[in-house]
Amino acid sequence: MEKIRLKEFAELLEQNDDLRQQLRSCPDAETALAEMNRLAEAQGYELDETPVPLEALPDDALASVAGGFEPAALDVNPYSWFVTLFRRLIQDKKER
């Protein structure tokens, strides 16, 4: 059995509609990986690189990569001169 790189096997898949359809019919990533290995073996190849299935980030890690701004997460001293000045500026604008 000839070893073939994943990129080379992907190029073979692009040229063969039947193989592509078999791979696209897989319901999830794990099934697609198993099917890809099976298809490679049926063609006489052994995949040199085994692809790793994608997995979702846990909620804890998602917050650090998603970006955005959460004011409640800030540690603000309500008695600092800056906070006092900022509150007075906001109150002056609301009164106008």
PDB file of N, CA and C in Angstrom:
ATOM      1  N   MET A   1       0.852  -1.179   0.000  1.00  0.00           N
ATOM      2  CA  MET A   1       0.000   0.000   0.000  1.00  0.00           C
ATOM      3  C   MET A   1       0.897   1.242   0.000  1.00  0.00           C
ATOM      4  N   GLU A   2       0.617   2.131  -0.889  1.00  0.00           N
ATOM      5  CA  GLU A   2       1.419   3.348  -1.036  1.00  0.00           C
ATOM      6  C   GLU A   2       0.947   4.408  -0.051  1.00  0.00           C
ATOM      7  N   LYS A   3       1.921   5.029   0.644  1.00  0.00           N
ATOM      8  CA  LYS A   3       1.569   6.140   1.535  1.00  0.00           C
ATOM      9  C   LYS A   3       1.384   7.389   0.693  1.00  0.00           C
ATOM     10  N   ILE A   4       0.349   8.144   1.045  1.00  0.00           N
ATOM     11  CA  ILE A   4       0.033   9.364   0.312  1.00  0.00           C
ATOM     12  C   ILE A   4      -0.283  10.459   1.323  1.00  0.00           C
ATOM     13  N   ARG A   5       0.127  11.663   0.995  1.00  0.00           N
ATOM     14  CA  ARG A   5      -0.157  12.785   1.888  1.00  0.00           C
ATOM     15  C   ARG A   5      -1.621  13.191   1.743  1.00  0.00           C
ATOM     16  N   LEU A   6      -2.145  13.798   2.774  1.00  0.00           N
ATOM     17  CA  LEU A   6      -3.548  14.209   2.783  1.00  0.00           C
ATOM     18  C   LEU A   6      -3.850  15.185   1.657  1.00  0.00           C
ATOM     19  N   LYS A   7      -2.927  16.090   1.386  1.00  0.00           N
ATOM     20  CA  LYS A   7      -3.126  17.071   0.315  1.00  0.00           C
ATOM     21  C   LYS A   7      -3.238  16.367  -1.041  1.00  0.00           C
ATOM     22  N   GLU A   8      -2.406  15.369  -1.264  1.00  0.00           N
ATOM     23  CA  GLU A   8      -2.452  14.627  -2.518  1.00  0.00           C
ATOM     24  C   GLU A   8      -3.753  13.842  -2.646  1.00  0.00           C
ATOM     25  N   PHE A   9      -4.216  13.282  -1.539  1.00  0.00           N
ATOM     26  CA  PHE A   9      -5.474  12.546  -1.577  1.00  0.00           C
ATOM     27  C   PHE A   9      -6.651  13.499  -1.830  1.00  0.00           C
ATOM     28  N   ALA A  10      -6.579  14.695  -1.265  1.00  0.00           N
ATOM     29  CA  ALA A  10      -7.625  15.695  -1.507  1.00  0.00           C
ATOM     30  C   ALA A  10      -7.678  16.057  -2.998  1.00  0.00           C
ATOM     31  N   GLU A  11      -6.523  16.111  -3.647  1.00  0.00           N
ATOM     32  CA  GLU A  11      -6.495  16.388  -5.082  1.00  0.00           C
ATOM     33  C   GLU A  11      -7.151  15.256  -5.870  1.00  0.00           C
ATOM     34  N   LEU A  12      -6.940  14.001  -5.429  1.00  0.00           N
ATOM     35  CA  LEU A  12      -7.602  12.866  -6.066  1.00  0.00           C
ATOM     36  C   LEU A  12      -9.116  12.937  -5.875  1.00  0.00           C
ATOM     37  N   LEU A  13      -9.532  13.365  -4.687  1.00  0.00           N
ATOM     38  CA  LEU A  13     -10.963  13.500  -4.419  1.00  0.00           C
ATOM     39  C   LEU A  13     -11.601  14.557  -5.318  1.00  0.00           C
ATOM     40  N   GLU A  14     -10.874  15.625  -5.580  1.00  0.00           N
ATOM     41  CA  GLU A  14     -11.403  16.692  -6.438  1.00  0.00           C
ATOM     42  C   GLU A  14     -11.661  16.188  -7.857  1.00  0.00           C
ATOM     43  N   GLN A  15     -10.892  15.215  -8.285  1.00  0.00           N
ATOM     44  CA  GLN A  15     -11.018  14.702  -9.646  1.00  0.00           C
ATOM     45  C   GLN A  15     -12.082  13.620  -9.779  1.00  0.00           C
ATOM     46  N   ASN A  16     -12.519  13.039  -8.657  1.00  0.00           N
ATOM     47  CA  ASN A  16     -13.449  11.916  -8.704  1.00  0.00           C
ATOM     48  C   ASN A  16     -14.761  12.292  -8.014  1.00  0.00           C
ATOM     49  N   ASP A  17     -15.820  12.481  -8.802  1.00  0.00           N
ATOM     50  CA  ASP A  17     -17.111  12.906  -8.247  1.00  0.00           C
ATOM     51  C   ASP A  17     -17.723  11.872  -7.312  1.00  0.00           C
ATOM     52  N   ASP A  18     -17.576  10.582  -7.638  1.00  0.00           N
ATOM     53  CA  ASP A  18     -18.164   9.530  -6.796  1.00  0.00           C
ATOM     54  C   ASP A  18     -17.551   9.525  -5.398  1.00  0.00           C
ATOM     55  N   LEU A  19     -16.225   9.636  -5.330  1.00  0.00           N
ATOM     56  CA  LEU A  19     -15.551   9.658  -4.030  1.00  0.00           C
ATOM     57  C   LEU A  19     -15.949  10.896  -3.231  1.00  0.00           C
ATOM     58  N   ARG A  20     -16.045  12.024  -3.927  1.00  0.00           N
ATOM     59  CA  ARG A  20     -16.458  13.267  -3.248  1.00  0.00           C
ATOM     60  C   ARG A  20     -17.851  13.138  -2.668  1.00  0.00           C
ATOM     61  N   GLN A  21     -18.777  12.571  -3.424  1.00  0.00           N
ATOM     62  CA  GLN A  21     -20.163  12.408  -2.950  1.00  0.00           C
ATOM     63  C   GLN A  21     -20.216  11.498  -1.727  1.00  0.00           C
ATOM     64  N   GLN A  22     -19.424  10.433  -1.742  1.00  0.00           N
ATOM     65  CA  GLN A  22     -19.400   9.528  -0.583  1.00  0.00           C
ATOM     66  C   GLN A  22     -18.914  10.258   0.662  1.00  0.00           C
ATOM     67  N   LEU A  23     -17.934  11.104   0.488  1.00  0.00           N
ATOM     68  CA  LEU A  23     -17.393  11.852   1.622  1.00  0.00           C
ATOM     69  C   LEU A  23     -18.356  12.932   2.098  1.00  0.00           C
ATOM     70  N   ARG A  24     -19.035  13.584   1.164  1.00  0.00           N
ATOM     71  CA  ARG A  24     -19.978  14.651   1.529  1.00  0.00           C
ATOM     72  C   ARG A  24     -21.234  14.111   2.206  1.00  0.00           C
ATOM     73  N   SER A  25     -21.538  12.843   2.004  1.00  0.00           N
ATOM     74  CA  SER A  25     -22.746  12.279   2.608  1.00  0.00           C
ATOM     75  C   SER A  25     -22.573  11.962   4.091  1.00  0.00           C
ATOM     76  N   CYS A  26     -21.394  12.144   4.620  1.00  0.00           N
ATOM     77  CA  CYS A  26     -21.138  11.852   6.038  1.00  0.00           C
ATOM     78  C   CYS A  26     -21.823  12.886   6.925  1.00  0.00           C
ATOM     79  N   PRO A  27     -22.472  12.439   8.007  1.00  0.00           N
ATOM     80  CA  PRO A  27     -23.218  13.367   8.856  1.00  0.00           C
ATOM     81  C   PRO A  27     -22.356  14.209   9.793  1.00  0.00           C
ATOM     82  N   ASP A  28     -21.152  13.744  10.125  1.00  0.00           N
ATOM     83  CA  ASP A  28     -20.315  14.510  11.050  1.00  0.00           C
ATOM     84  C   ASP A  28     -18.831  14.311  10.716  1.00  0.00           C
ATOM     85  N   ALA A  29     -17.974  15.025  11.422  1.00  0.00           N
ATOM     86  CA  ALA A  29     -16.541  15.014  11.118  1.00  0.00           C
ATOM     87  C   ALA A  29     -15.901  13.661  11.403  1.00  0.00           C
ATOM     88  N   GLU A  30     -16.288  13.015  12.483  1.00  0.00           N
ATOM     89  CA  GLU A  30     -15.687  11.713  12.816  1.00  0.00           C
ATOM     90  C   GLU A  30     -16.004  10.671  11.756  1.00  0.00           C
ATOM     91  N   THR A  31     -17.247  10.658  11.296  1.00  0.00           N
ATOM     92  CA  THR A  31     -17.639   9.723  10.245  1.00  0.00           C
ATOM     93  C   THR A  31     -16.895  10.041   8.954  1.00  0.00           C
ATOM     94  N   ALA A  32     -16.710  11.324   8.660  1.00  0.00           N
ATOM     95  CA  ALA A  32     -15.992  11.732   7.451  1.00  0.00           C
ATOM     96  C   ALA A  32     -14.531  11.284   7.505  1.00  0.00           C
ATOM     97  N   LEU A  33     -13.908  11.360   8.677  1.00  0.00           N
ATOM     98  CA  LEU A  33     -12.521  10.912   8.810  1.00  0.00           C
ATOM     99  C   LEU A  33     -12.407   9.412   8.575  1.00  0.00           C
ATOM    100  N   ALA A  34     -13.322   8.655   9.161  1.00  0.00           N
ATOM    101  CA  ALA A  34     -13.314   7.210   8.964  1.00  0.00           C
ATOM    102  C   ALA A  34     -13.557   6.868   7.495  1.00  0.00           C
ATOM    103  N   GLU A  35     -14.491   7.578   6.880  1.00  0.00           N
ATOM    104  CA  GLU A  35     -14.794   7.345   5.464  1.00  0.00           C
ATOM    105  C   GLU A  35     -13.605   7.713   4.584  1.00  0.00           C
ATOM    106  N   MET A  36     -12.895   8.779   4.921  1.00  0.00           N
ATOM    107  CA  MET A  36     -11.737   9.193   4.148  1.00  0.00           C
ATOM    108  C   MET A  36     -10.649   8.120   4.203  1.00  0.00           C
ATOM    109  N   ASN A  37     -10.410   7.584   5.390  1.00  0.00           N
ATOM    110  CA  ASN A  37      -9.423   6.515   5.517  1.00  0.00           C
ATOM    111  C   ASN A  37      -9.860   5.280   4.732  1.00  0.00           C
ATOM    112  N   ARG A  38     -11.150   4.955   4.779  1.00  0.00           N
ATOM    113  CA  ARG A  38     -11.667   3.798   4.057  1.00  0.00           C
ATOM    114  C   ARG A  38     -11.525   3.998   2.546  1.00  0.00           C
ATOM    115  N   LEU A  39     -11.863   5.206   2.075  1.00  0.00           N
ATOM    116  CA  LEU A  39     -11.742   5.504   0.644  1.00  0.00           C
ATOM    117  C   LEU A  39     -10.293   5.419   0.182  1.00  0.00           C
ATOM    118  N   ALA A  40      -9.377   5.911   1.004  1.00  0.00           N
ATOM    119  CA  ALA A  40      -7.957   5.858   0.651  1.00  0.00           C
ATOM    120  C   ALA A  40      -7.502   4.405   0.547  1.00  0.00           C
ATOM    121  N   GLU A  41      -7.900   3.572   1.508  1.00  0.00           N
ATOM    122  CA  GLU A  41      -7.525   2.158   1.471  1.00  0.00           C
ATOM    123  C   GLU A  41      -8.117   1.459   0.247  1.00  0.00           C
ATOM    124  N   ALA A  42      -9.352   1.803  -0.100  1.00  0.00           N
ATOM    125  CA  ALA A  42      -9.992   1.190  -1.266  1.00  0.00           C
ATOM    126  C   ALA A  42      -9.268   1.561  -2.558  1.00  0.00           C
ATOM    127  N   GLN A  43      -8.621   2.712  -2.588  1.00  0.00           N
ATOM    128  CA  GLN A  43      -7.870   3.151  -3.759  1.00  0.00           C
ATOM    129  C   GLN A  43      -6.423   2.649  -3.733  1.00  0.00           C
ATOM    130  N   GLY A  44      -6.059   1.945  -2.634  1.00  0.00           N
ATOM    131  CA  GLY A  44      -4.701   1.414  -2.526  1.00  0.00           C
ATOM    132  C   GLY A  44      -3.721   2.355  -1.870  1.00  0.00           C
ATOM    133  N   TYR A  45      -4.228   3.309  -1.132  1.00  0.00           N
ATOM    134  CA  TYR A  45      -3.375   4.292  -0.461  1.00  0.00           C
ATOM    135  C   TYR A  45      -3.526   4.186   1.050  1.00  0.00           C
ATOM    136  N   GLU A  46      -2.488   4.621   1.736  1.00  0.00           N
ATOM    137  CA  GLU A  46      -2.545   4.786   3.185  1.00  0.00           C
ATOM    138  C   GLU A  46      -2.232   6.256   3.458  1.00  0.00           C
ATOM    139  N   LEU A  47      -3.101   6.907   4.198  1.00  0.00           N
ATOM    140  CA  LEU A  47      -2.899   8.337   4.471  1.00  0.00           C
ATOM    141  C   LEU A  47      -1.713   8.513   5.414  1.00  0.00           C
ATOM    142  N   ASP A  48      -0.781   9.345   4.992  1.00  0.00           N
ATOM    143  CA  ASP A  48       0.415   9.621   5.781  1.00  0.00           C
ATOM    144  C   ASP A  48       0.087  10.523   6.964  1.00  0.00           C
ATOM    145  N   GLU A  49      -0.816  11.449   6.760  1.00  0.00           N
ATOM    146  CA  GLU A  49      -1.227  12.390   7.804  1.00  0.00           C
ATOM    147  C   GLU A  49      -2.688  12.123   8.114  1.00  0.00           C
ATOM    148  N   THR A  50      -2.977  11.849   9.362  1.00  0.00           N
ATOM    149  CA  THR A  50      -4.362  11.644   9.735  1.00  0.00           C
ATOM    150  C   THR A  50      -4.929  12.980  10.202  1.00  0.00           C
ATOM    151  N   PRO A  51      -5.980  13.484   9.571  1.00  0.00           N
ATOM    152  CA  PRO A  51      -6.550  14.761   9.998  1.00  0.00           C
ATOM    153  C   PRO A  51      -7.195  14.636  11.366  1.00  0.00           C
ATOM    154  N   VAL A  52      -7.163  15.724  12.090  1.00  0.00           N
ATOM    155  CA  VAL A  52      -7.744  15.770  13.421  1.00  0.00           C
ATOM    156  C   VAL A  52      -9.111  16.426  13.316  1.00  0.00           C
ATOM    157  N   PRO A  53     -10.149  15.813  13.897  1.00  0.00           N
ATOM    158  CA  PRO A  53     -11.471  16.437  13.809  1.00  0.00           C
ATOM    159  C   PRO A  53     -11.513  17.750  14.582  1.00  0.00           C
ATOM    160  N   LEU A  54     -12.301  18.673  14.073  1.00  0.00           N
ATOM    161  CA  LEU A  54     -12.485  19.957  14.752  1.00  0.00           C
ATOM    162  C   LEU A  54     -13.377  19.768  15.956  1.00  0.00           C
ATOM    163  N   GLU A  55     -13.130  20.531  16.982  1.00  0.00           N
ATOM    164  CA  GLU A  55     -14.001  20.477  18.142  1.00  0.00           C
ATOM    165  C   GLU A  55     -14.296  21.895  18.614  1.00  0.00           C
ATOM    166  N   ALA A  56     -15.435  22.048  19.204  1.00  0.00           N
ATOM    167  CA  ALA A  56     -15.868  23.368  19.664  1.00  0.00           C
ATOM    168  C   ALA A  56     -15.067  23.780  20.898  1.00  0.00           C
ATOM    169  N   LEU A  57     -14.851  25.078  21.018  1.00  0.00           N
ATOM    170  CA  LEU A  57     -14.193  25.597  22.209  1.00  0.00           C
ATOM    171  C   LEU A  57     -15.161  25.577  23.381  1.00  0.00           C
ATOM    172  N   PRO A  58     -14.666  25.289  24.574  1.00  0.00           N
ATOM    173  CA  PRO A  58     -15.540  25.399  25.743  1.00  0.00           C
ATOM    174  C   PRO A  58     -15.888  26.862  25.992  1.00  0.00           C
ATOM    175  N   ASP A  59     -16.972  27.100  26.695  1.00  0.00           N
ATOM    176  CA  ASP A  59     -17.425  28.469  26.937  1.00  0.00           C
ATOM    177  C   ASP A  59     -16.361  29.315  27.627  1.00  0.00           C
ATOM    178  N   ASP A  60     -15.576  28.714  28.518  1.00  0.00           N
ATOM    179  CA  ASP A  60     -14.526  29.468  29.213  1.00  0.00           C
ATOM    180  C   ASP A  60     -13.493  30.021  28.224  1.00  0.00           C
ATOM    181  N   ALA A  61     -13.098  29.220  27.255  1.00  0.00           N
ATOM    182  CA  ALA A  61     -12.098  29.651  26.284  1.00  0.00           C
ATOM    183  C   ALA A  61     -12.707  30.561  25.229  1.00  0.00           C
ATOM    184  N   LEU A  62     -13.978  30.402  24.963  1.00  0.00           N
ATOM    185  CA  LEU A  62     -14.636  31.194  23.927  1.00  0.00           C
ATOM    186  C   LEU A  62     -14.638  32.680  24.278  1.00  0.00           C
ATOM    187  N   ALA A  63     -14.825  33.002  25.528  1.00  0.00           N
ATOM    188  CA  ALA A  63     -14.861  34.401  25.940  1.00  0.00           C
ATOM    189  C   ALA A  63     -13.537  35.107  25.659  1.00  0.00           C
ATOM    190  N   SER A  64     -12.432  34.389  25.773  1.00  0.00           N
ATOM    191  CA  SER A  64     -11.132  35.028  25.579  1.00  0.00           C
ATOM    192  C   SER A  64     -10.796  35.248  24.114  1.00  0.00           C
ATOM    193  N   VAL A  65     -11.418  34.518  23.190  1.00  0.00           N
ATOM    194  CA  VAL A  65     -11.109  34.684  21.775  1.00  0.00           C
ATOM    195  C   VAL A  65     -12.191  35.410  21.002  1.00  0.00           C
ATOM    196  N   ALA A  66     -13.366  35.587  21.594  1.00  0.00           N
ATOM    197  CA  ALA A  66     -14.484  36.182  20.872  1.00  0.00           C
ATOM    198  C   ALA A  66     -14.389  37.701  20.792  1.00  0.00           C
ATOM    199  N   GLY A  67     -13.640  38.316  21.669  1.00  0.00           N
ATOM    200  CA  GLY A  67     -13.531  39.769  21.649  1.00  0.00           C
ATOM    201  C   GLY A  67     -14.730  40.417  22.312  1.00  0.00           C
ATOM    202  N   GLY A  68     -14.926  41.664  22.035  1.00  0.00           N
ATOM    203  CA  GLY A  68     -16.042  42.373  22.643  1.00  0.00           C
ATOM    204  C   GLY A  68     -15.627  43.063  23.921  1.00  0.00           C
ATOM    205  N   PHE A  69     -16.587  43.676  24.556  1.00  0.00           N
ATOM    206  CA  PHE A  69     -16.321  44.453  25.764  1.00  0.00           C
ATOM    207  C   PHE A  69     -17.425  44.193  26.764  1.00  0.00           C
ATOM    208  N   GLU A  70     -17.048  43.848  27.959  1.00  0.00           N
ATOM    209  CA  GLU A  70     -18.028  43.595  29.008  1.00  0.00           C
ATOM    210  C   GLU A  70     -17.724  44.526  30.181  1.00  0.00           C
ATOM    211  N   PRO A  71     -18.486  45.611  30.312  1.00  0.00           N
ATOM    212  CA  PRO A  71     -18.187  46.576  31.367  1.00  0.00           C
ATOM    213  C   PRO A  71     -18.304  45.994  32.773  1.00  0.00           C
ATOM    214  N   ALA A  72     -19.160  45.001  32.955  1.00  0.00           N
ATOM    215  CA  ALA A  72     -19.322  44.423  34.284  1.00  0.00           C
ATOM    216  C   ALA A  72     -18.068  43.690  34.738  1.00  0.00           C
ATOM    217  N   ALA A  73     -17.213  43.298  33.803  1.00  0.00           N
ATOM    218  CA  ALA A  73     -16.002  42.552  34.150  1.00  0.00           C
ATOM    219  C   ALA A  73     -14.883  43.478  34.632  1.00  0.00           C
ATOM    220  N   LEU A  74     -15.034  44.786  34.438  1.00  0.00           N
ATOM    221  CA  LEU A  74     -13.991  45.720  34.859  1.00  0.00           C
ATOM    222  C   LEU A  74     -13.993  45.897  36.369  1.00  0.00           C
ATOM    223  N   ASP A  75     -12.828  46.008  36.899  1.00  0.00           N
ATOM    224  CA  ASP A  75     -12.693  46.270  38.324  1.00  0.00           C
ATOM    225  C   ASP A  75     -12.497  47.774  38.491  1.00  0.00           C
ATOM    226  N   VAL A  76     -13.602  48.491  38.699  1.00  0.00           N
ATOM    227  CA  VAL A  76     -13.572  49.948  38.766  1.00  0.00           C
ATOM    228  C   VAL A  76     -13.783  50.389  40.208  1.00  0.00           C
ATOM    229  N   ASN A  77     -12.947  51.295  40.646  1.00  0.00           N
ATOM    230  CA  ASN A  77     -13.088  51.870  41.974  1.00  0.00           C
ATOM    231  C   ASN A  77     -14.099  53.017  41.873  1.00  0.00           C
ATOM    232  N   PRO A  78     -15.285  52.853  42.480  1.00  0.00           N
ATOM    233  CA  PRO A  78     -16.316  53.888  42.336  1.00  0.00           C
ATOM    234  C   PRO A  78     -15.950  55.204  43.018  1.00  0.00           C
ATOM    235  N   TYR A  79     -14.893  55.206  43.830  1.00  0.00           N
ATOM    236  CA  TYR A  79     -14.520  56.416  44.551  1.00  0.00           C
ATOM    237  C   TYR A  79     -13.278  57.095  43.971  1.00  0.00           C
ATOM    238  N   SER A  80     -12.831  56.655  42.803  1.00  0.00           N
ATOM    239  CA  SER A  80     -11.661  57.283  42.199  1.00  0.00           C
ATOM    240  C   SER A  80     -12.063  58.634  41.613  1.00  0.00           C
ATOM    241  N   TRP A  81     -11.103  59.526  41.419  1.00  0.00           N
ATOM    242  CA  TRP A  81     -11.386  60.858  40.893  1.00  0.00           C
ATOM    243  C   TRP A  81     -11.907  60.787  39.459  1.00  0.00           C
ATOM    244  N   PHE A  82     -11.399  59.795  38.689  1.00  0.00           N
ATOM    245  CA  PHE A  82     -11.825  59.691  37.309  1.00  0.00           C
ATOM    246  C   PHE A  82     -13.294  59.268  37.216  1.00  0.00           C
ATOM    247  N   VAL A  83     -13.684  58.286  38.016  1.00  0.00           N
ATOM    248  CA  VAL A  83     -15.070  57.816  37.993  1.00  0.00           C
ATOM    249  C   VAL A  83     -15.999  58.936  38.449  1.00  0.00           C
ATOM    250  N   THR A  84     -15.607  59.667  39.464  1.00  0.00           N
ATOM    251  CA  THR A  84     -16.415  60.779  39.943  1.00  0.00           C
ATOM    252  C   THR A  84     -16.573  61.837  38.858  1.00  0.00           C
ATOM    253  N   LEU A  85     -15.490  62.196  38.201  1.00  0.00           N
ATOM    254  CA  LEU A  85     -15.541  63.177  37.122  1.00  0.00           C
ATOM    255  C   LEU A  85     -16.421  62.670  35.975  1.00  0.00           C
ATOM    256  N   PHE A  86     -16.267  61.425  35.594  1.00  0.00           N
ATOM    257  CA  PHE A  86     -17.043  60.852  34.504  1.00  0.00           C
ATOM    258  C   PHE A  86     -18.535  60.852  34.841  1.00  0.00           C
ATOM    259  N   ARG A  87     -18.877  60.475  36.053  1.00  0.00           N
ATOM    260  CA  ARG A  87     -20.297  60.477  36.459  1.00  0.00           C
ATOM    261  C   ARG A  87     -20.878  61.888  36.423  1.00  0.00           C
ATOM    262  N   ARG A  88     -20.114  62.873  36.874  1.00  0.00           N
ATOM    263  CA  ARG A  88     -20.604  64.253  36.845  1.00  0.00           C
ATOM    264  C   ARG A  88     -20.802  64.746  35.409  1.00  0.00           C
ATOM    265  N   LEU A  89     -19.895  64.371  34.521  1.00  0.00           N
ATOM    266  CA  LEU A  89     -20.043  64.759  33.116  1.00  0.00           C
ATOM    267  C   LEU A  89     -21.295  64.139  32.507  1.00  0.00           C
ATOM    268  N   ILE A  90     -21.558  62.886  32.841  1.00  0.00           N
ATOM    269  CA  ILE A  90     -22.747  62.220  32.307  1.00  0.00           C
ATOM    270  C   ILE A  90     -24.010  62.860  32.883  1.00  0.00           C
ATOM    271  N   GLN A  91     -24.001  63.174  34.159  1.00  0.00           N
ATOM    272  CA  GLN A  91     -25.183  63.788  34.781  1.00  0.00           C
ATOM    273  C   GLN A  91     -25.455  65.166  34.198  1.00  0.00           C
ATOM    274  N   ASP A  92     -24.383  65.928  33.923  1.00  0.00           N
ATOM    275  CA  ASP A  92     -24.573  67.257  33.322  1.00  0.00           C
ATOM    276  C   ASP A  92     -25.211  67.153  31.946  1.00  0.00           C
ATOM    277  N   LYS A  93     -24.831  66.166  31.166  1.00  0.00           N
ATOM    278  CA  LYS A  93     -25.409  66.000  29.836  1.00  0.00           C
ATOM    279  C   LYS A  93     -26.876  65.553  29.923  1.00  0.00           C
ATOM    280  N   LYS A  94     -27.198  64.736  30.907  1.00  0.00           N
ATOM    281  CA  LYS A  94     -28.584  64.274  31.057  1.00  0.00           C
ATOM    282  C   LYS A  94     -29.498  65.416  31.484  1.00  0.00           C
ATOM    283  N   GLU A  95     -28.990  66.348  32.273  1.00  0.00           N
ATOM    284  CA  GLU A  95     -29.811  67.453  32.767  1.00  0.00           C
ATOM    285  C   GLU A  95     -30.087  68.488  31.691  1.00  0.00           C
ATOM    286  N   ARG A  96     -29.287  68.548  30.657  1.00  0.00           N
ATOM    287  CA  ARG A  96     -29.464  69.548  29.595  1.00  0.00           C
ATOM    288  C   ARG A  96     -30.573  69.211  28.695  1.00  0.00           C
TER     289      ARG A  96
END
